[in-house]
Amino acid sequence: MERLLPLVTKETGYAVCRELEREANNDYVIRLLERLEDENPCVAEFISRLAIQHEDPVGLSTAAALVYRLLESQAEADRLREQIGPGK
């Protein structure tokens, strides 16, 4: 069966962690959520609705946005790997 979502590698996880660490405070997550509102409003609304029902809405929003970014980043890496071709 074909995988619908990418399998996130350790390398991609490390890369997203480095993105997060480069910015102070919650700026990275705030920008990510704002971009998500523009690019994928259904997911952004889902995160928002779930977060307001949770005792730690910031933590839940952060976790959800970071999982989205991990999948997005891995999909980008996989596309680049396909364009370059095997063994190159």
N, C-alpha and C. Protein backbone atom coordinates (compact mmCIF):
# COMPACT_ATOMS: atom_id res chain seq x y z
N MET A 1 0.84 -1.18 0.00
CA MET A 1 0.00 0.00 0.00
C MET A 1 0.89 1.25 0.00
N GLU A 2 0.50 2.20 -0.82
CA GLU A 2 1.27 3.45 -0.91
C GLU A 2 1.01 4.31 0.31
N ARG A 3 2.09 4.91 0.81
CA ARG A 3 2.00 5.79 1.98
C ARG A 3 1.44 7.14 1.54
N LEU A 4 0.41 7.61 2.24
CA LEU A 4 -0.20 8.90 1.90
C LEU A 4 0.59 10.07 2.46
N LEU A 5 1.17 9.89 3.64
CA LEU A 5 1.98 10.93 4.25
C LEU A 5 3.43 10.45 4.28
N PRO A 6 4.36 11.39 4.19
CA PRO A 6 5.78 10.99 4.20
C PRO A 6 6.20 10.43 5.55
N LEU A 7 7.17 9.56 5.53
CA LEU A 7 7.80 9.04 6.73
C LEU A 7 8.92 10.02 7.09
N VAL A 8 8.78 10.69 8.21
CA VAL A 8 9.73 11.73 8.60
C VAL A 8 11.03 11.08 9.09
N THR A 9 12.14 11.52 8.52
CA THR A 9 13.45 11.00 8.90
C THR A 9 14.02 11.79 10.06
N LYS A 10 15.03 11.20 10.71
CA LYS A 10 15.71 11.91 11.80
C LYS A 10 16.32 13.21 11.28
N GLU A 11 16.86 13.17 10.07
CA GLU A 11 17.50 14.37 9.50
C GLU A 11 16.50 15.51 9.36
N THR A 12 15.30 15.17 8.91
CA THR A 12 14.27 16.20 8.78
C THR A 12 13.87 16.72 10.15
N GLY A 13 13.76 15.82 11.11
CA GLY A 13 13.44 16.24 12.48
C GLY A 13 14.48 17.19 13.04
N TYR A 14 15.75 16.86 12.81
CA TYR A 14 16.82 17.76 13.26
C TYR A 14 16.74 19.11 12.57
N ALA A 15 16.45 19.10 11.27
CA ALA A 15 16.37 20.35 10.51
C ALA A 15 15.25 21.24 11.04
N VAL A 16 14.09 20.66 11.31
CA VAL A 16 12.97 21.45 11.83
C VAL A 16 13.30 21.96 13.24
N CYS A 17 13.97 21.16 14.05
CA CYS A 17 14.40 21.63 15.37
C CYS A 17 15.34 22.82 15.25
N ARG A 18 16.25 22.77 14.29
CA ARG A 18 17.16 23.90 14.09
C ARG A 18 16.40 25.15 13.64
N GLU A 19 15.39 24.97 12.77
CA GLU A 19 14.56 26.11 12.37
C GLU A 19 13.92 26.74 13.60
N LEU A 20 13.37 25.91 14.46
CA LEU A 20 12.69 26.38 15.66
C LEU A 20 13.64 27.10 16.60
N GLU A 21 14.84 26.57 16.76
CA GLU A 21 15.82 27.14 17.69
C GLU A 21 16.41 28.46 17.20
N ARG A 22 16.34 28.72 15.91
CA ARG A 22 16.93 29.95 15.36
C ARG A 22 16.15 31.20 15.72
N GLU A 23 14.90 31.05 16.11
CA GLU A 23 14.07 32.22 16.38
C GLU A 23 13.72 32.31 17.86
N ALA A 24 13.66 33.54 18.32
CA ALA A 24 13.37 33.79 19.73
C ALA A 24 11.88 33.64 20.02
N ASN A 25 11.59 33.38 21.28
CA ASN A 25 10.21 33.29 21.76
C ASN A 25 9.40 32.29 20.94
N ASN A 26 8.20 32.66 20.61
CA ASN A 26 7.33 31.79 19.81
C ASN A 26 7.20 32.30 18.38
N ASP A 27 8.13 33.13 17.93
CA ASP A 27 8.02 33.74 16.61
C ASP A 27 7.89 32.70 15.50
N TYR A 28 8.67 31.62 15.59
CA TYR A 28 8.64 30.59 14.55
C TYR A 28 7.25 29.96 14.47
N VAL A 29 6.71 29.59 15.60
CA VAL A 29 5.41 28.93 15.63
C VAL A 29 4.31 29.90 15.20
N ILE A 30 4.40 31.13 15.62
CA ILE A 30 3.41 32.14 15.23
C ILE A 30 3.41 32.31 13.71
N ARG A 31 4.60 32.45 13.12
CA ARG A 31 4.68 32.59 11.66
C ARG A 31 4.17 31.33 10.96
N LEU A 32 4.48 30.17 11.51
CA LEU A 32 4.02 28.91 10.94
C LEU A 32 2.50 28.82 10.96
N LEU A 33 1.89 29.18 12.08
CA LEU A 33 0.43 29.16 12.17
C LEU A 33 -0.21 30.18 11.24
N GLU A 34 0.40 31.36 11.11
CA GLU A 34 -0.13 32.37 10.18
C GLU A 34 -0.06 31.86 8.74
N ARG A 35 1.05 31.23 8.39
CA ARG A 35 1.20 30.67 7.04
C ARG A 35 0.20 29.56 6.81
N LEU A 36 -0.01 28.76 7.83
CA LEU A 36 -0.97 27.66 7.74
C LEU A 36 -2.39 28.19 7.50
N GLU A 37 -2.73 29.30 8.14
CA GLU A 37 -4.04 29.92 7.93
C GLU A 37 -4.24 30.30 6.47
N ASP A 38 -3.18 30.77 5.81
CA ASP A 38 -3.26 31.15 4.41
C ASP A 38 -3.26 29.94 3.47
N GLU A 39 -2.38 28.99 3.75
CA GLU A 39 -2.14 27.88 2.82
C GLU A 39 -3.04 26.68 3.05
N ASN A 40 -3.48 26.46 4.28
CA ASN A 40 -4.30 25.30 4.60
C ASN A 40 -5.27 25.67 5.72
N PRO A 41 -6.26 26.52 5.39
CA PRO A 41 -7.14 27.06 6.43
C PRO A 41 -7.94 26.00 7.19
N CYS A 42 -8.26 24.89 6.57
CA CYS A 42 -9.02 23.85 7.27
C CYS A 42 -8.19 23.27 8.41
N VAL A 43 -6.92 23.00 8.16
CA VAL A 43 -6.05 22.47 9.20
C VAL A 43 -5.84 23.52 10.29
N ALA A 44 -5.64 24.76 9.89
CA ALA A 44 -5.46 25.84 10.87
C ALA A 44 -6.69 25.97 11.77
N GLU A 45 -7.87 25.89 11.18
CA GLU A 45 -9.10 25.99 11.97
C GLU A 45 -9.24 24.79 12.91
N PHE A 46 -8.88 23.61 12.42
CA PHE A 46 -8.94 22.41 13.26
C PHE A 46 -8.03 22.57 14.48
N ILE A 47 -6.82 23.04 14.24
CA ILE A 47 -5.88 23.25 15.34
C ILE A 47 -6.44 24.27 16.33
N SER A 48 -6.97 25.36 15.81
CA SER A 48 -7.51 26.43 16.66
C SER A 48 -8.68 25.93 17.51
N ARG A 49 -9.60 25.21 16.88
CA ARG A 49 -10.77 24.71 17.62
C ARG A 49 -10.37 23.71 18.69
N LEU A 50 -9.42 22.85 18.37
CA LEU A 50 -8.95 21.88 19.34
C LEU A 50 -8.21 22.57 20.49
N ALA A 51 -7.39 23.56 20.13
CA ALA A 51 -6.58 24.25 21.14
C ALA A 51 -7.44 24.98 22.18
N ILE A 52 -8.51 25.62 21.75
CA ILE A 52 -9.32 26.38 22.71
C ILE A 52 -10.06 25.48 23.68
N GLN A 53 -10.15 24.19 23.36
CA GLN A 53 -10.80 23.24 24.26
C GLN A 53 -9.81 22.56 25.21
N HIS A 54 -8.54 22.88 25.05
CA HIS A 54 -7.48 22.21 25.80
C HIS A 54 -6.98 23.12 26.92
N GLU A 55 -6.50 22.51 28.00
CA GLU A 55 -6.02 23.33 29.13
C GLU A 55 -4.72 24.05 28.81
N ASP A 56 -3.98 23.59 27.79
CA ASP A 56 -2.75 24.26 27.36
C ASP A 56 -2.84 24.54 25.86
N PRO A 57 -3.61 25.57 25.49
CA PRO A 57 -3.84 25.83 24.06
C PRO A 57 -2.56 26.18 23.30
N VAL A 58 -1.64 26.87 23.93
CA VAL A 58 -0.39 27.23 23.26
C VAL A 58 0.44 25.99 22.99
N GLY A 59 0.53 25.12 23.98
CA GLY A 59 1.29 23.89 23.81
C GLY A 59 0.70 22.99 22.74
N LEU A 60 -0.62 22.87 22.74
CA LEU A 60 -1.27 22.04 21.73
C LEU A 60 -1.09 22.63 20.34
N SER A 61 -1.27 23.93 20.20
CA SER A 61 -1.08 24.58 18.90
C SER A 61 0.35 24.43 18.40
N THR A 62 1.30 24.57 19.31
CA THR A 62 2.70 24.43 18.95
C THR A 62 2.99 23.02 18.46
N ALA A 63 2.53 22.02 19.20
CA ALA A 63 2.78 20.63 18.82
C ALA A 63 2.15 20.32 17.47
N ALA A 64 0.91 20.74 17.27
CA ALA A 64 0.22 20.47 16.01
C ALA A 64 0.92 21.15 14.84
N ALA A 65 1.31 22.39 15.01
CA ALA A 65 1.99 23.12 13.94
C ALA A 65 3.33 22.48 13.61
N LEU A 66 4.05 22.02 14.62
CA LEU A 66 5.35 21.40 14.38
C LEU A 66 5.21 20.05 13.68
N VAL A 67 4.19 19.29 14.02
CA VAL A 67 3.96 18.03 13.30
C VAL A 67 3.65 18.32 11.83
N TYR A 68 2.83 19.34 11.59
CA TYR A 68 2.54 19.74 10.22
C TYR A 68 3.83 20.12 9.49
N ARG A 69 4.67 20.90 10.15
CA ARG A 69 5.93 21.34 9.53
C ARG A 69 6.85 20.15 9.26
N LEU A 70 6.90 19.18 10.17
CA LEU A 70 7.71 17.98 9.93
C LEU A 70 7.25 17.26 8.66
N LEU A 71 5.96 17.07 8.52
CA LEU A 71 5.43 16.39 7.34
C LEU A 71 5.68 17.20 6.07
N GLU A 72 5.47 18.50 6.17
CA GLU A 72 5.69 19.40 5.04
C GLU A 72 7.16 19.38 4.62
N SER A 73 8.05 19.48 5.58
CA SER A 73 9.47 19.51 5.30
C SER A 73 9.94 18.19 4.70
N GLN A 74 9.42 17.08 5.21
CA GLN A 74 9.80 15.78 4.65
C GLN A 74 9.29 15.62 3.23
N ALA A 75 8.09 16.09 2.96
CA ALA A 75 7.54 16.03 1.60
C ALA A 75 8.42 16.84 0.65
N GLU A 76 8.89 18.00 1.10
CA GLU A 76 9.80 18.83 0.29
C GLU A 76 11.10 18.08 0.02
N ALA A 77 11.67 17.46 1.05
CA ALA A 77 12.91 16.71 0.90
C ALA A 77 12.73 15.52 -0.05
N ASP A 78 11.60 14.83 0.07
CA ASP A 78 11.33 13.69 -0.80
C ASP A 78 11.20 14.12 -2.26
N ARG A 79 10.53 15.25 -2.50
CA ARG A 79 10.39 15.76 -3.88
C ARG A 79 11.76 16.11 -4.46
N LEU A 80 12.60 16.76 -3.66
CA LEU A 80 13.95 17.10 -4.13
C LEU A 80 14.74 15.84 -4.45
N ARG A 81 14.64 14.83 -3.61
CA ARG A 81 15.35 13.57 -3.83
C ARG A 81 14.87 12.92 -5.14
N GLU A 82 13.58 12.97 -5.40
CA GLU A 82 13.03 12.40 -6.64
C GLU A 82 13.54 13.17 -7.86
N GLN A 83 13.63 14.49 -7.75
CA GLN A 83 14.10 15.32 -8.87
C GLN A 83 15.56 15.07 -9.17
N ILE A 84 16.34 14.89 -8.12
CA ILE A 84 17.77 14.64 -8.31
C ILE A 84 18.02 13.26 -8.88
N GLY A 85 17.22 12.30 -8.44
CA GLY A 85 17.35 10.94 -8.91
C GLY A 85 18.22 10.12 -7.99
N PRO A 86 18.10 8.79 -8.10
CA PRO A 86 18.87 7.91 -7.23
C PRO A 86 20.37 7.96 -7.51
N GLY A 87 21.12 7.92 -6.44
CA GLY A 87 22.57 7.84 -6.56
C GLY A 87 23.28 9.10 -6.98
N LYS A 88 22.57 10.21 -7.02
CA LYS A 88 23.20 11.47 -7.43
C LYS A 88 23.41 12.35 -6.25
